[in-house]
Amino acid sequence: MAALSSNVRWSWGAADPISNSIYLRVWGDEVSTVQGVEAVLITRANQRQSHGYKERKRHLDQVRAGWRWYGIACTAKEPDADPEQGRVIADFDQDYLLRFGRILETAEGQHAEIVERVPVRNIVRSRTSFTAVAEDLETLITSEDPTTQKETLVDARVGQGKFRAEILNLWSGQCAVTGCTTLDVIRASHVKPWRFSTNGERLDKFNGLPLVANLDALFDTGLISFDKDGSLMISSEMSEKEIELLQLRGKKIRKKLKRGHQAYLEFHRDQIFRL
C-alpha cells in the first residue's frame, strides 16, 4: 500500500492518496462499547496539542470528506502507562485491520465505530484499475501468442477494436446504465476480468458492458456490480457521501441482460465485488 505518513517518529497514521484511504494507529485496549456499538478511542477530550494530534485532525477531515478509513490495533509495551504521556508499541495486529464507520462523540473524546475486521491481505490485494491494465498488458506482451492475436487481445484489454465495436453495437452505442451516447466517455469494460479469462472469453461480446468512465472504474475495482436483473449493487466500502455524490442509488442496467451475460456477472459478483 502506498500509504504516506508525515514523520514516522511522531505520526499517528498514514494516508494513501491512490485509494483515498486513511490508516490510523489505535490502541487495542481502548476498544469499548460506545453508543451501543463497538468503537475505539481516536482522540481525547482536551487532547494535548502535538504534531501527531494535528496530523490526526487532518486525517479526520479527510474521513469527513469521504475517504475510507481503517485502524491498526497496537499493543503497548507498558499497558498501564498513560497514553497521554506517550506509550511504546510492543506489537500490532498483522492479520486484520479495523474498518471504521462513523465518528462518535462522547465526553471522553472522539471514537471510531468498528464496522468489521478486514484481513490485511484483502487490502493489499486491492489494486487500481490502471495498475491492473498495466500488469495484464505486460503479461500479454511477454506471452507466446502470435503477434496478430496479441494485437487483437491488446485492443480488447484496453476496450478498443472489434471487442468494443461489438459491445457498442449490442447496446445501441449507449452506456448500459446511464444511456449516455457520448462515445468518448464510454469504456468497453470486461465483466469477468481479463486476467481471469481465456482468450475466447476476452473477446466475447457478452463478457463486456459499455459504461461511462466513472462507472467503469468502480466496476473494474469491484466497488459496484450488478445482480441477475441488472440492478446496481454497491460495496459497503463506499461512504454514503460518495454514493450520493456519484448518484449510484437506484441505478439499473437499462436493457434486459442476455443469457450470455449471466455467467460472467456471477463471476464478478462472487470474485471481484467487494461486498
Protein backbone atom coordinates (compact mmCIF):
# COMPACT_ATOMS: atom_id res chain seq x y z
CA MET A 1 0.00 0.00 0.00
CA ALA A 2 1.30 3.41 -0.88
CA ALA A 3 0.29 4.95 2.43
CA LEU A 4 2.20 8.06 3.41
CA SER A 5 2.89 9.32 6.93
CA SER A 6 4.34 12.75 7.60
CA ASN A 7 7.03 11.57 10.00
CA VAL A 8 7.35 8.04 11.35
CA ARG A 9 8.80 9.31 14.65
CA TRP A 10 5.62 11.13 15.73
CA SER A 11 3.00 10.11 13.20
CA TRP A 12 -0.28 8.60 14.41
CA GLY A 13 -1.43 7.41 10.99
CA ALA A 14 -0.94 7.40 7.25
CA ALA A 15 -2.84 8.40 4.11
CA ASP A 16 -2.94 6.58 0.77
CA PRO A 17 -3.80 9.18 -1.91
CA ILE A 18 -4.10 6.48 -4.61
CA SER A 19 -7.01 4.67 -2.95
CA ASN A 20 -8.23 7.62 -0.80
CA SER A 21 -7.72 5.57 2.36
CA ILE A 22 -6.64 6.57 5.86
CA TYR A 23 -4.85 4.17 8.26
CA LEU A 24 -4.84 5.18 11.92
CA ARG A 25 -2.77 3.70 14.73
CA VAL A 26 -5.07 2.87 17.65
CA TRP A 27 -4.64 1.08 20.97
CA GLY A 28 -6.31 -2.32 21.14
CA ASP A 29 -7.08 -1.89 24.85
CA GLU A 30 -9.14 1.22 24.09
CA VAL A 31 -11.82 -0.71 22.19
CA SER A 32 -15.14 -0.48 24.03
CA THR A 33 -18.89 -0.19 23.52
CA VAL A 34 -19.88 3.37 22.63
CA GLN A 35 -23.47 4.41 21.90
CA GLY A 36 -24.39 0.75 21.53
CA VAL A 37 -21.69 -0.20 19.03
CA GLU A 38 -18.08 -1.40 19.17
CA ALA A 39 -15.69 1.52 18.81
CA VAL A 40 -12.17 2.64 19.63
CA LEU A 41 -10.91 5.94 21.03
CA ILE A 42 -9.13 8.05 18.40
CA THR A 43 -8.80 11.48 20.09
CA ARG A 44 -9.22 12.52 23.71
CA ALA A 45 -11.16 15.49 25.02
CA ASN A 46 -8.69 18.30 25.73
CA GLN A 47 -6.06 16.39 23.75
CA ARG A 48 -2.55 17.75 24.17
CA GLN A 49 -1.56 19.64 21.02
CA SER A 50 1.26 17.94 19.12
CA HIS A 51 2.40 17.14 15.59
CA GLY A 52 0.64 13.79 15.89
CA TYR A 53 -2.62 15.39 17.00
CA LYS A 54 -2.55 17.92 14.16
CA GLU A 55 -1.97 15.07 11.70
CA ARG A 56 -4.89 13.09 13.16
CA LYS A 57 -7.17 16.11 12.89
CA ARG A 58 -6.18 16.42 9.22
CA HIS A 59 -6.83 12.71 8.66
CA LEU A 60 -10.28 13.00 10.25
CA ASP A 61 -11.06 15.93 7.95
CA GLN A 62 -10.24 13.63 5.03
CA VAL A 63 -12.54 10.96 6.51
CA ARG A 64 -15.36 13.51 6.71
CA ALA A 65 -14.66 14.33 3.07
CA GLY A 66 -15.37 10.71 2.13
CA TRP A 67 -12.05 8.85 2.43
CA ARG A 68 -12.20 5.22 3.59
CA TRP A 69 -10.51 4.65 6.94
CA TYR A 70 -9.03 1.78 8.87
CA GLY A 71 -7.35 1.19 12.21
CA ILE A 72 -4.20 -0.73 13.06
CA ALA A 73 -4.68 -2.19 16.53
CA CYS A 74 -1.49 -1.83 18.57
CA THR A 75 -0.39 -3.34 21.90
CA ALA A 76 1.53 -1.16 24.34
CA LYS A 77 4.81 -2.32 25.86
CA GLU A 78 3.56 -0.99 29.21
CA PRO A 79 -0.27 -1.24 29.10
CA ASP A 80 -0.66 0.74 32.35
CA ALA A 81 1.28 3.72 31.00
CA ASP A 82 -0.76 6.89 30.44
CA PRO A 83 -1.38 7.19 26.67
CA GLU A 84 -1.39 10.97 27.05
CA GLN A 85 2.22 10.83 28.27
CA GLY A 86 3.29 8.52 25.46
CA ARG A 87 3.25 4.76 25.06
CA VAL A 88 5.69 2.49 23.26
CA ILE A 89 4.32 -0.03 20.77
CA ALA A 90 5.20 -3.61 21.62
CA ASP A 91 3.29 -5.26 18.78
CA PHE A 92 0.37 -4.77 16.39
CA ASP A 93 -2.23 -6.93 14.69
CA GLN A 94 -0.55 -8.03 11.45
CA ASP A 95 -3.51 -10.07 10.21
CA TYR A 96 -6.51 -7.76 10.46
CA LEU A 97 -7.36 -4.08 10.05
CA LEU A 98 -10.34 -2.45 11.72
CA ARG A 99 -12.66 -0.94 9.11
CA PHE A 100 -14.26 2.18 10.56
CA GLY A 101 -17.66 3.72 10.01
CA ARG A 102 -18.96 6.75 11.91
CA ILE A 103 -17.10 9.20 14.11
CA LEU A 104 -18.77 9.08 17.56
CA GLU A 105 -18.53 11.97 20.03
CA THR A 106 -18.54 11.44 23.81
CA ALA A 107 -17.33 13.34 26.85
CA GLU A 108 -14.17 11.20 26.70
CA GLY A 109 -13.37 12.24 23.16
CA GLN A 110 -13.88 11.00 19.61
CA HIS A 111 -14.32 7.33 18.81
CA ALA A 112 -14.28 5.39 15.53
CA GLU A 113 -17.12 2.93 15.04
CA ILE A 114 -15.71 -0.51 14.19
CA VAL A 115 -17.71 -1.91 11.28
CA GLU A 116 -15.70 -5.09 10.74
CA ARG A 117 -12.26 -6.65 10.90
CA VAL A 118 -10.76 -6.96 7.42
CA PRO A 119 -7.91 -9.37 6.55
CA VAL A 120 -4.82 -7.36 5.66
CA ARG A 121 -4.33 -9.49 2.55
CA ASN A 122 -7.65 -8.19 1.18
CA ILE A 123 -6.45 -4.59 1.44
CA VAL A 124 -3.06 -5.33 -0.06
CA ARG A 125 -4.72 -7.23 -2.91
CA SER A 126 -6.87 -4.25 -3.93
CA ARG A 127 -5.42 -2.56 -6.99
CA THR A 128 -6.31 0.45 -9.04
CA SER A 129 -7.78 -0.06 -12.48
CA PHE A 130 -4.66 1.47 -14.06
CA THR A 131 -2.35 -0.95 -12.24
CA ALA A 132 -4.42 -3.94 -13.36
CA VAL A 133 -4.28 -2.85 -17.02
CA ALA A 134 -0.51 -2.37 -16.90
CA GLU A 135 0.07 -5.81 -15.37
CA ASP A 136 -2.29 -7.53 -17.82
CA LEU A 137 -0.64 -5.94 -20.84
CA GLU A 138 2.81 -6.87 -19.59
CA THR A 139 1.68 -10.50 -19.25
CA LEU A 140 0.20 -10.47 -22.74
CA ILE A 141 3.19 -8.85 -24.44
CA THR A 142 5.59 -11.43 -22.97
CA SER A 143 3.33 -14.36 -23.93
CA GLU A 144 3.99 -16.69 -26.87
CA ASP A 145 0.71 -15.90 -28.65
CA PRO A 146 1.03 -15.00 -32.37
CA THR A 147 1.59 -11.27 -33.00
CA THR A 148 -1.75 -10.76 -34.76
CA GLN A 149 -3.59 -12.37 -31.85
CA LYS A 150 -1.66 -10.23 -29.39
CA GLU A 151 -2.80 -7.10 -31.23
CA THR A 152 -6.43 -8.19 -31.05
CA LEU A 153 -6.14 -9.05 -27.36
CA VAL A 154 -4.38 -5.77 -26.52
CA ASP A 155 -7.22 -3.87 -28.19
CA ALA A 156 -9.74 -5.90 -26.20
CA ARG A 157 -7.94 -5.27 -22.89
CA VAL A 158 -7.98 -1.51 -23.31
CA GLY A 159 -11.54 -1.52 -24.62
CA GLN A 160 -10.83 -0.88 -28.29
CA GLY A 161 -11.06 -2.66 -31.64
CA LYS A 162 -13.56 -5.35 -32.54
CA PHE A 163 -14.39 -6.09 -28.89
CA ARG A 164 -15.52 -2.51 -28.27
CA ALA A 165 -17.38 -2.28 -31.57
CA GLU A 166 -19.38 -5.46 -30.89
CA ILE A 167 -20.30 -4.34 -27.39
CA LEU A 168 -21.42 -0.91 -28.54
CA ASN A 169 -23.45 -2.49 -31.32
CA LEU A 170 -25.13 -4.84 -28.82
CA TRP A 171 -26.06 -1.87 -26.63
CA SER A 172 -27.02 0.55 -29.42
CA GLY A 173 -24.00 2.78 -28.79
CA GLN A 174 -25.10 3.68 -25.25
CA CYS A 175 -23.82 3.28 -21.70
CA ALA A 176 -25.63 0.25 -20.32
CA VAL A 177 -26.66 2.15 -17.17
CA THR A 178 -26.97 5.87 -17.97
CA GLY A 179 -27.92 5.72 -21.64
CA CYS A 180 -25.13 8.21 -22.42
CA THR A 181 -24.24 8.21 -26.14
CA THR A 182 -21.04 10.31 -25.94
CA LEU A 183 -18.67 7.60 -27.12
CA ASP A 184 -15.57 9.46 -25.92
CA VAL A 185 -16.55 8.77 -22.29
CA ILE A 186 -17.84 5.20 -22.74
CA ARG A 187 -15.47 2.33 -21.99
CA ALA A 188 -15.93 -1.29 -23.00
CA SER A 189 -15.48 -2.99 -19.62
CA HIS A 190 -14.76 -6.68 -19.20
CA VAL A 191 -17.20 -8.30 -16.77
CA LYS A 192 -15.04 -11.32 -15.95
CA PRO A 193 -11.67 -9.58 -15.61
CA TRP A 194 -9.21 -10.02 -18.45
CA ARG A 195 -6.60 -11.64 -16.22
CA PHE A 196 -9.02 -14.44 -15.26
CA SER A 197 -10.43 -15.05 -18.76
CA THR A 198 -9.41 -17.35 -21.58
CA ASN A 199 -8.55 -15.74 -24.90
CA GLY A 200 -12.03 -16.66 -26.14
CA GLU A 201 -13.70 -15.04 -23.13
CA ARG A 202 -11.56 -11.94 -23.56
CA LEU A 203 -13.10 -11.38 -26.99
CA ASP A 204 -16.67 -12.46 -26.14
CA LYS A 205 -19.09 -9.54 -26.56
CA PHE A 206 -21.17 -10.90 -23.66
CA ASN A 207 -18.14 -10.53 -21.39
CA GLY A 208 -18.40 -6.78 -21.67
CA LEU A 209 -20.52 -3.80 -20.69
CA PRO A 210 -20.36 -0.28 -22.12
CA LEU A 211 -20.05 2.01 -19.11
CA VAL A 212 -19.23 5.68 -18.68
CA ALA A 213 -15.79 6.25 -17.20
CA ASN A 214 -16.75 6.65 -13.53
CA LEU A 215 -18.94 3.52 -13.54
CA ASP A 216 -16.25 1.60 -15.43
CA ALA A 217 -13.64 2.45 -12.78
CA LEU A 218 -15.99 1.43 -9.95
CA PHE A 219 -16.93 -1.80 -11.72
CA ASP A 220 -13.35 -2.70 -12.61
CA THR A 221 -12.20 -2.34 -9.00
CA GLY A 222 -15.20 -4.19 -7.53
CA LEU A 223 -16.87 -1.24 -5.81
CA ILE A 224 -20.06 -1.89 -7.79
CA SER A 225 -21.55 -4.91 -9.51
CA PHE A 226 -24.93 -5.95 -10.96
CA ASP A 227 -27.39 -8.61 -9.83
CA LYS A 228 -29.23 -11.02 -12.14
CA ASP A 229 -31.86 -8.48 -13.14
CA GLY A 230 -29.29 -5.74 -13.72
CA SER A 231 -29.80 -3.73 -10.52
CA LEU A 232 -26.63 -1.95 -9.42
CA MET A 233 -25.03 -3.31 -6.25
CA ILE A 234 -22.82 -1.04 -4.12
CA SER A 235 -19.89 -2.16 -1.99
CA SER A 236 -20.09 -1.43 1.74
CA GLU A 237 -16.62 0.10 1.39
CA MET A 238 -18.16 3.18 -0.25
CA SER A 239 -19.24 6.02 2.03
CA GLU A 240 -22.78 7.43 1.88
CA LYS A 241 -21.32 10.76 0.81
CA GLU A 242 -19.57 9.21 -2.20
CA ILE A 243 -22.65 7.16 -3.12
CA GLU A 244 -24.73 10.33 -3.12
CA LEU A 245 -22.09 12.33 -4.99
CA LEU A 246 -21.90 9.71 -7.76
CA GLN A 247 -25.69 9.24 -7.76
CA LEU A 248 -25.48 5.45 -7.55
CA ARG A 249 -28.68 4.65 -5.64
CA GLY A 250 -31.45 3.04 -7.66
CA LYS A 251 -29.39 2.60 -10.82
CA LYS A 252 -30.04 -0.36 -13.08
CA ILE A 253 -28.95 -1.71 -16.46
CA ARG A 254 -31.39 -0.28 -18.97
CA LYS A 255 -31.93 -3.36 -21.14
CA LYS A 256 -32.71 -6.95 -20.28
CA LEU A 257 -29.48 -8.89 -19.86
CA LYS A 258 -28.84 -11.72 -22.30
CA ARG A 259 -28.25 -15.26 -21.11
CA GLY A 260 -24.63 -14.92 -22.24
CA HIS A 261 -24.03 -12.15 -19.69
CA GLN A 262 -25.16 -14.08 -16.63
CA ALA A 263 -22.19 -16.41 -16.03
CA TYR A 264 -19.76 -13.51 -16.38
CA LEU A 265 -21.75 -11.34 -13.98
CA GLU A 266 -21.95 -14.20 -11.49
CA PHE A 267 -18.14 -14.44 -11.55
CA HIS A 268 -17.87 -10.69 -10.99
CA ARG A 269 -20.26 -10.78 -8.01
CA ASP A 270 -18.53 -13.79 -6.42
CA GLN A 271 -14.87 -12.95 -7.11
CA ILE A 272 -14.49 -9.21 -7.77
CA PHE A 273 -17.27 -7.37 -5.95
CA ARG A 274 -16.06 -6.05 -2.60
CA LEU A 275 -19.23 -6.87 -0.67
